[in-house]
Amino acid sequence: MNKIGRALLNYLIKGLLIVLPIALSIYIVIWAVTTVDSWLNVNNILGVDPRTGASRNIPGLGLALVIALILIAGIFVTNFVTEPMYNWFNRWMNRLPGLNFIYSSIKDLAEAFVGDEKKFNHPVLVEIQEGIKRIGFLTQSDLAAIGLPGESVVYFPFSYSFAGQVCVVNREKITDLNMSAADAMKLVVSGGVSHI
């Protein structure tokens, strides 16, 4: 009986390792689609089904509209908005009290990951203490302008999180990593279990 129990437990664990990632992925996709659909409430625009009396529901229509809107905005900005217009808009947004902090923070974070000037593109290894090192991203290589010559800013993302920590580190403790930024981010965010 003990052998059968161990075999069943082994099968249960292996099945869980297969089913759990698939189920969570499907759940997250369904949650994202239904959340965006409920925010936009586009099903009311489609009217009511005369046979049932319920509003017409097309799952994913809200998400498709958001993606289309983002694509149209990207095409418009790329082809019709000039650099002076873009700079004027940024200056105008920075003058609005309260909103300027939110706008600039979100803009900087988005550009750090997907903009033309990606900030998390320089993976480094930092010796925290004897025998302990952390993987991070060099975001500022020289802080002499603020009176910290020889110091750098390194961003350390947390595992299984979108958060991270910013540290000022002596340049001598930083070693460049011979890996892509995407691989470094995947390694850190996965808690080190992702294959390189």
C-alpha atoms as a PDB file:
ATOM      1  CA  MET A   1       0.000   0.000   0.000  1.00  0.00           C
ATOM      2  CA  ASN A   2       2.869   2.348   0.773  1.00  0.00           C
ATOM      3  CA  LYS A   3       4.314   1.848  -2.726  1.00  0.00           C
ATOM      4  CA  ILE A   4       0.918   2.541  -4.312  1.00  0.00           C
ATOM      5  CA  GLY A   5       0.510   5.684  -2.185  1.00  0.00           C
ATOM      6  CA  ARG A   6       3.935   7.007  -3.229  1.00  0.00           C
ATOM      7  CA  ALA A   7       3.152   6.290  -6.897  1.00  0.00           C
ATOM      8  CA  LEU A   8      -0.199   8.098  -6.646  1.00  0.00           C
ATOM      9  CA  LEU A   9       1.442  11.069  -4.909  1.00  0.00           C
ATOM     10  CA  ASN A  10       4.116  11.175  -7.628  1.00  0.00           C
ATOM     11  CA  TYR A  11       1.436  11.140 -10.352  1.00  0.00           C
ATOM     12  CA  LEU A  12      -0.504  13.843  -8.511  1.00  0.00           C
ATOM     13  CA  ILE A  13       2.551  16.125  -8.282  1.00  0.00           C
ATOM     14  CA  LYS A  14       3.478  15.591 -11.960  1.00  0.00           C
ATOM     15  CA  GLY A  15      -0.118  16.238 -13.004  1.00  0.00           C
ATOM     16  CA  LEU A  16      -0.176  19.396 -10.887  1.00  0.00           C
ATOM     17  CA  LEU A  17       3.019  20.630 -12.568  1.00  0.00           C
ATOM     18  CA  ILE A  18       1.316  20.229 -15.945  1.00  0.00           C
ATOM     19  CA  VAL A  19      -2.215  21.408 -15.129  1.00  0.00           C
ATOM     20  CA  LEU A  20      -1.450  24.351 -12.782  1.00  0.00           C
ATOM     21  CA  PRO A  21       0.523  26.542 -15.247  1.00  0.00           C
ATOM     22  CA  ILE A  22      -1.993  25.868 -18.025  1.00  0.00           C
ATOM     23  CA  ALA A  23      -4.983  26.566 -15.769  1.00  0.00           C
ATOM     24  CA  LEU A  24      -3.464  29.746 -14.333  1.00  0.00           C
ATOM     25  CA  SER A  25      -2.525  31.012 -17.802  1.00  0.00           C
ATOM     26  CA  ILE A  26      -6.058  30.427 -19.078  1.00  0.00           C
ATOM     27  CA  TYR A  27      -7.520  32.032 -15.941  1.00  0.00           C
ATOM     28  CA  ILE A  28      -5.344  35.148 -16.315  1.00  0.00           C
ATOM     29  CA  VAL A  29      -6.283  35.532 -20.000  1.00  0.00           C
ATOM     30  CA  ILE A  30      -9.997  35.109 -19.258  1.00  0.00           C
ATOM     31  CA  TRP A  31      -9.732  37.518 -16.296  1.00  0.00           C
ATOM     32  CA  ALA A  32      -7.975  40.136 -18.449  1.00  0.00           C
ATOM     33  CA  VAL A  33     -10.533  39.849 -21.265  1.00  0.00           C
ATOM     34  CA  THR A  34     -13.588  39.985 -18.982  1.00  0.00           C
ATOM     35  CA  THR A  35     -12.122  42.831 -16.901  1.00  0.00           C
ATOM     36  CA  VAL A  36     -11.415  45.013 -19.935  1.00  0.00           C
ATOM     37  CA  ASP A  37     -14.827  44.138 -21.398  1.00  0.00           C
ATOM     38  CA  SER A  38     -16.564  45.156 -18.162  1.00  0.00           C
ATOM     39  CA  TRP A  39     -14.588  48.419 -17.925  1.00  0.00           C
ATOM     40  CA  LEU A  40     -15.521  49.482 -21.444  1.00  0.00           C
ATOM     41  CA  ASN A  41     -19.058  48.042 -21.309  1.00  0.00           C
ATOM     42  CA  VAL A  42     -19.126  47.761 -25.105  1.00  0.00           C
ATOM     43  CA  ASN A  43     -21.770  45.045 -25.055  1.00  0.00           C
ATOM     44  CA  ASN A  44     -24.453  47.657 -24.310  1.00  0.00           C
ATOM     45  CA  ILE A  45     -23.484  49.479 -27.522  1.00  0.00           C
ATOM     46  CA  LEU A  46     -24.290  46.368 -29.563  1.00  0.00           C
ATOM     47  CA  GLY A  47     -27.885  46.483 -28.397  1.00  0.00           C
ATOM     48  CA  VAL A  48     -30.211  43.771 -27.164  1.00  0.00           C
ATOM     49  CA  ASP A  49     -30.793  40.369 -28.710  1.00  0.00           C
ATOM     50  CA  PRO A  50     -34.508  40.411 -29.677  1.00  0.00           C
ATOM     51  CA  ARG A  51     -34.883  36.680 -29.059  1.00  0.00           C
ATOM     52  CA  THR A  52     -33.543  36.600 -25.493  1.00  0.00           C
ATOM     53  CA  GLY A  53     -33.820  40.211 -24.355  1.00  0.00           C
ATOM     54  CA  ALA A  54     -30.233  40.108 -23.056  1.00  0.00           C
ATOM     55  CA  SER A  55     -27.500  42.433 -24.243  1.00  0.00           C
ATOM     56  CA  ARG A  56     -25.346  41.019 -27.011  1.00  0.00           C
ATOM     57  CA  ASN A  57     -22.075  39.721 -25.696  1.00  0.00           C
ATOM     58  CA  ILE A  58     -18.938  39.249 -27.784  1.00  0.00           C
ATOM     59  CA  PRO A  59     -16.177  38.072 -25.425  1.00  0.00           C
ATOM     60  CA  GLY A  60     -12.924  39.907 -26.048  1.00  0.00           C
ATOM     61  CA  LEU A  61     -14.470  42.810 -27.956  1.00  0.00           C
ATOM     62  CA  GLY A  62     -13.333  45.310 -25.301  1.00  0.00           C
ATOM     63  CA  LEU A  63      -9.780  43.971 -25.354  1.00  0.00           C
ATOM     64  CA  ALA A  64      -9.754  44.023 -29.170  1.00  0.00           C
ATOM     65  CA  LEU A  65     -10.929  47.659 -29.110  1.00  0.00           C
ATOM     66  CA  VAL A  66      -8.199  48.631 -26.614  1.00  0.00           C
ATOM     67  CA  ILE A  67      -5.516  46.955 -28.752  1.00  0.00           C
ATOM     68  CA  ALA A  68      -6.903  48.659 -31.880  1.00  0.00           C
ATOM     69  CA  LEU A  69      -6.930  52.040 -30.098  1.00  0.00           C
ATOM     70  CA  ILE A  70      -3.307  51.602 -28.966  1.00  0.00           C
ATOM     71  CA  LEU A  71      -2.307  50.561 -32.512  1.00  0.00           C
ATOM     72  CA  ILE A  72      -4.072  53.578 -34.043  1.00  0.00           C
ATOM     73  CA  ALA A  73      -2.420  55.895 -31.482  1.00  0.00           C
ATOM     74  CA  GLY A  74       0.984  54.399 -32.354  1.00  0.00           C
ATOM     75  CA  ILE A  75       0.399  54.887 -36.096  1.00  0.00           C
ATOM     76  CA  PHE A  76      -0.817  58.447 -35.533  1.00  0.00           C
ATOM     77  CA  VAL A  77       2.110  59.441 -33.307  1.00  0.00           C
ATOM     78  CA  THR A  78       4.669  57.802 -35.621  1.00  0.00           C
ATOM     79  CA  ASN A  79       3.373  59.347 -38.836  1.00  0.00           C
ATOM     80  CA  PHE A  80       1.741  62.650 -37.887  1.00  0.00           C
ATOM     81  CA  VAL A  81       3.143  63.956 -34.585  1.00  0.00           C
ATOM     82  CA  THR A  82       6.409  65.844 -34.933  1.00  0.00           C
ATOM     83  CA  GLU A  83       9.110  66.144 -32.283  1.00  0.00           C
ATOM     84  CA  PRO A  84       8.168  69.780 -31.389  1.00  0.00           C
ATOM     85  CA  MET A  85       4.521  68.770 -30.948  1.00  0.00           C
ATOM     86  CA  TYR A  86       5.544  65.845 -28.720  1.00  0.00           C
ATOM     87  CA  ASN A  87       7.840  68.065 -26.647  1.00  0.00           C
ATOM     88  CA  TRP A  88       5.089  70.720 -26.321  1.00  0.00           C
ATOM     89  CA  PHE A  89       2.643  68.066 -25.058  1.00  0.00           C
ATOM     90  CA  ASN A  90       5.183  66.781 -22.495  1.00  0.00           C
ATOM     91  CA  ARG A  91       5.887  70.318 -21.259  1.00  0.00           C
ATOM     92  CA  TRP A  92       2.137  70.972 -20.946  1.00  0.00           C
ATOM     93  CA  MET A  93       1.601  67.711 -18.986  1.00  0.00           C
ATOM     94  CA  ASN A  94       4.520  68.543 -16.675  1.00  0.00           C
ATOM     95  CA  ARG A  95       2.900  71.869 -15.727  1.00  0.00           C
ATOM     96  CA  LEU A  96      -0.298  70.308 -14.415  1.00  0.00           C
ATOM     97  CA  PRO A  97      -0.071  69.943 -10.633  1.00  0.00           C
ATOM     98  CA  GLY A  98      -0.610  66.407  -9.383  1.00  0.00           C
ATOM     99  CA  LEU A  99      -1.085  64.939 -12.837  1.00  0.00           C
ATOM    100  CA  ASN A 100       2.512  65.674 -13.843  1.00  0.00           C
ATOM    101  CA  PHE A 101       3.862  63.274 -11.191  1.00  0.00           C
ATOM    102  CA  ILE A 102       1.523  60.449 -12.235  1.00  0.00           C
ATOM    103  CA  TYR A 103       2.031  61.026 -15.968  1.00  0.00           C
ATOM    104  CA  SER A 104       5.823  61.300 -15.815  1.00  0.00           C
ATOM    105  CA  SER A 105       6.157  58.249 -13.532  1.00  0.00           C
ATOM    106  CA  ILE A 106       4.014  56.044 -15.770  1.00  0.00           C
ATOM    107  CA  LYS A 107       5.733  57.382 -18.911  1.00  0.00           C
ATOM    108  CA  ASP A 108       9.210  56.723 -17.497  1.00  0.00           C
ATOM    109  CA  LEU A 109       8.248  53.216 -16.382  1.00  0.00           C
ATOM    110  CA  ALA A 110       6.715  52.361 -19.764  1.00  0.00           C
ATOM    111  CA  GLU A 111       9.748  53.728 -21.634  1.00  0.00           C
ATOM    112  CA  ALA A 112      12.071  51.769 -19.352  1.00  0.00           C
ATOM    113  CA  PHE A 113      10.596  48.526 -20.679  1.00  0.00           C
ATOM    114  CA  VAL A 114       9.414  49.245 -24.236  1.00  0.00           C
ATOM    115  CA  GLY A 115      10.548  52.722 -25.290  1.00  0.00           C
ATOM    116  CA  ASP A 116      13.300  53.698 -27.699  1.00  0.00           C
ATOM    117  CA  GLU A 117      15.586  54.333 -24.729  1.00  0.00           C
ATOM    118  CA  LYS A 118      15.051  51.152 -22.721  1.00  0.00           C
ATOM    119  CA  LYS A 119      16.498  51.578 -19.234  1.00  0.00           C
ATOM    120  CA  PHE A 120      16.685  47.921 -18.200  1.00  0.00           C
ATOM    121  CA  ASN A 121      19.042  46.840 -20.964  1.00  0.00           C
ATOM    122  CA  HIS A 122      22.322  46.558 -19.038  1.00  0.00           C
ATOM    123  CA  PRO A 123      22.316  43.487 -16.754  1.00  0.00           C
ATOM    124  CA  VAL A 124      24.972  43.479 -14.039  1.00  0.00           C
ATOM    125  CA  LEU A 125      26.100  41.374 -11.105  1.00  0.00           C
ATOM    126  CA  VAL A 126      26.660  43.243  -7.831  1.00  0.00           C
ATOM    127  CA  GLU A 127      28.539  41.879  -4.847  1.00  0.00           C
ATOM    128  CA  ILE A 128      26.326  42.708  -1.878  1.00  0.00           C
ATOM    129  CA  GLN A 129      28.604  41.141   0.713  1.00  0.00           C
ATOM    130  CA  GLU A 130      31.322  38.490   0.782  1.00  0.00           C
ATOM    131  CA  GLY A 131      30.062  35.513  -1.232  1.00  0.00           C
ATOM    132  CA  ILE A 132      26.599  37.012  -1.976  1.00  0.00           C
ATOM    133  CA  LYS A 133      25.807  38.633  -5.319  1.00  0.00           C
ATOM    134  CA  ARG A 134      22.610  39.957  -6.896  1.00  0.00           C
ATOM    135  CA  ILE A 135      21.559  40.387 -10.508  1.00  0.00           C
ATOM    136  CA  GLY A 136      20.327  43.852 -11.363  1.00  0.00           C
ATOM    137  CA  PHE A 137      20.206  46.451 -14.121  1.00  0.00           C
ATOM    138  CA  LEU A 138      22.528  49.434 -14.343  1.00  0.00           C
ATOM    139  CA  THR A 139      20.292  52.474 -14.821  1.00  0.00           C
ATOM    140  CA  GLN A 140      22.744  55.329 -14.079  1.00  0.00           C
ATOM    141  CA  SER A 141      26.465  54.685 -14.511  1.00  0.00           C
ATOM    142  CA  ASP A 142      27.800  57.924 -13.022  1.00  0.00           C
ATOM    143  CA  LEU A 143      26.438  59.993 -10.148  1.00  0.00           C
ATOM    144  CA  ALA A 144      29.163  62.665 -10.132  1.00  0.00           C
ATOM    145  CA  ALA A 145      26.509  65.289 -10.981  1.00  0.00           C
ATOM    146  CA  ILE A 146      24.979  64.844  -7.519  1.00  0.00           C
ATOM    147  CA  GLY A 147      28.293  64.616  -5.694  1.00  0.00           C
ATOM    148  CA  LEU A 148      28.748  60.841  -5.742  1.00  0.00           C
ATOM    149  CA  PRO A 149      31.690  60.158  -8.072  1.00  0.00           C
ATOM    150  CA  GLY A 150      32.428  56.471  -8.625  1.00  0.00           C
ATOM    151  CA  GLU A 151      28.872  55.476  -7.630  1.00  0.00           C
ATOM    152  CA  SER A 152      26.169  54.034  -9.891  1.00  0.00           C
ATOM    153  CA  VAL A 153      22.455  53.298  -9.645  1.00  0.00           C
ATOM    154  CA  VAL A 154      21.397  49.664  -9.964  1.00  0.00           C
ATOM    155  CA  TYR A 155      17.788  48.463 -10.068  1.00  0.00           C
ATOM    156  CA  PHE A 156      17.192  45.038  -8.501  1.00  0.00           C
ATOM    157  CA  PRO A 157      13.856  43.493  -9.554  1.00  0.00           C
ATOM    158  CA  PHE A 158      12.153  41.194  -7.050  1.00  0.00           C
ATOM    159  CA  SER A 159      11.306  37.586  -7.862  1.00  0.00           C
ATOM    160  CA  TYR A 160       7.656  36.865  -8.750  1.00  0.00           C
ATOM    161  CA  SER A 161       6.825  40.566  -8.591  1.00  0.00           C
ATOM    162  CA  PHE A 162       6.739  43.722 -10.691  1.00  0.00           C
ATOM    163  CA  ALA A 163       8.392  45.639  -7.865  1.00  0.00           C
ATOM    164  CA  GLY A 164      12.073  46.168  -7.258  1.00  0.00           C
ATOM    165  CA  GLN A 165      14.652  48.095  -5.299  1.00  0.00           C
ATOM    166  CA  VAL A 166      16.966  50.928  -6.348  1.00  0.00           C
ATOM    167  CA  CYS A 167      20.434  50.978  -4.774  1.00  0.00           C
ATOM    168  CA  VAL A 168      23.434  53.264  -5.085  1.00  0.00           C
ATOM    169  CA  VAL A 169      26.428  50.971  -5.579  1.00  0.00           C
ATOM    170  CA  ASN A 170      30.159  51.567  -5.821  1.00  0.00           C
ATOM    171  CA  ARG A 171      31.215  50.970  -9.438  1.00  0.00           C
ATOM    172  CA  GLU A 172      33.975  48.561  -8.313  1.00  0.00           C
ATOM    173  CA  LYS A 173      31.387  46.113  -6.986  1.00  0.00           C
ATOM    174  CA  ILE A 174      29.552  45.946 -10.340  1.00  0.00           C
ATOM    175  CA  THR A 175      30.376  43.321 -12.974  1.00  0.00           C
ATOM    176  CA  ASP A 176      28.758  43.335 -16.416  1.00  0.00           C
ATOM    177  CA  LEU A 177      26.877  40.134 -17.244  1.00  0.00           C
ATOM    178  CA  ASN A 178      27.311  38.389 -20.582  1.00  0.00           C
ATOM    179  CA  MET A 179      23.609  37.784 -21.150  1.00  0.00           C
ATOM    180  CA  SER A 180      20.680  39.591 -22.719  1.00  0.00           C
ATOM    181  CA  ALA A 181      18.522  41.892 -20.608  1.00  0.00           C
ATOM    182  CA  ALA A 182      15.467  39.707 -21.308  1.00  0.00           C
ATOM    183  CA  ASP A 183      17.261  36.568 -20.075  1.00  0.00           C
ATOM    184  CA  ALA A 184      18.495  38.385 -16.960  1.00  0.00           C
ATOM    185  CA  MET A 185      14.999  39.690 -16.166  1.00  0.00           C
ATOM    186  CA  LYS A 186      13.476  36.237 -16.733  1.00  0.00           C
ATOM    187  CA  LEU A 187      16.088  34.636 -14.447  1.00  0.00           C
ATOM    188  CA  VAL A 188      15.473  37.107 -11.617  1.00  0.00           C
ATOM    189  CA  VAL A 189      11.684  37.293 -11.859  1.00  0.00           C
ATOM    190  CA  SER A 190      11.369  33.486 -11.975  1.00  0.00           C
ATOM    191  CA  GLY A 191      13.389  33.180  -8.771  1.00  0.00           C
ATOM    192  CA  GLY A 192      16.296  31.598 -10.626  1.00  0.00           C
ATOM    193  CA  VAL A 193      14.364  28.565 -11.879  1.00  0.00           C
ATOM    194  CA  SER A 194      14.067  29.743 -15.491  1.00  0.00           C
ATOM    195  CA  HIS A 195      16.504  28.154 -17.920  1.00  0.00           C
ATOM    196  CA  ILE A 196      19.003  30.498 -19.554  1.00  0.00           C
END
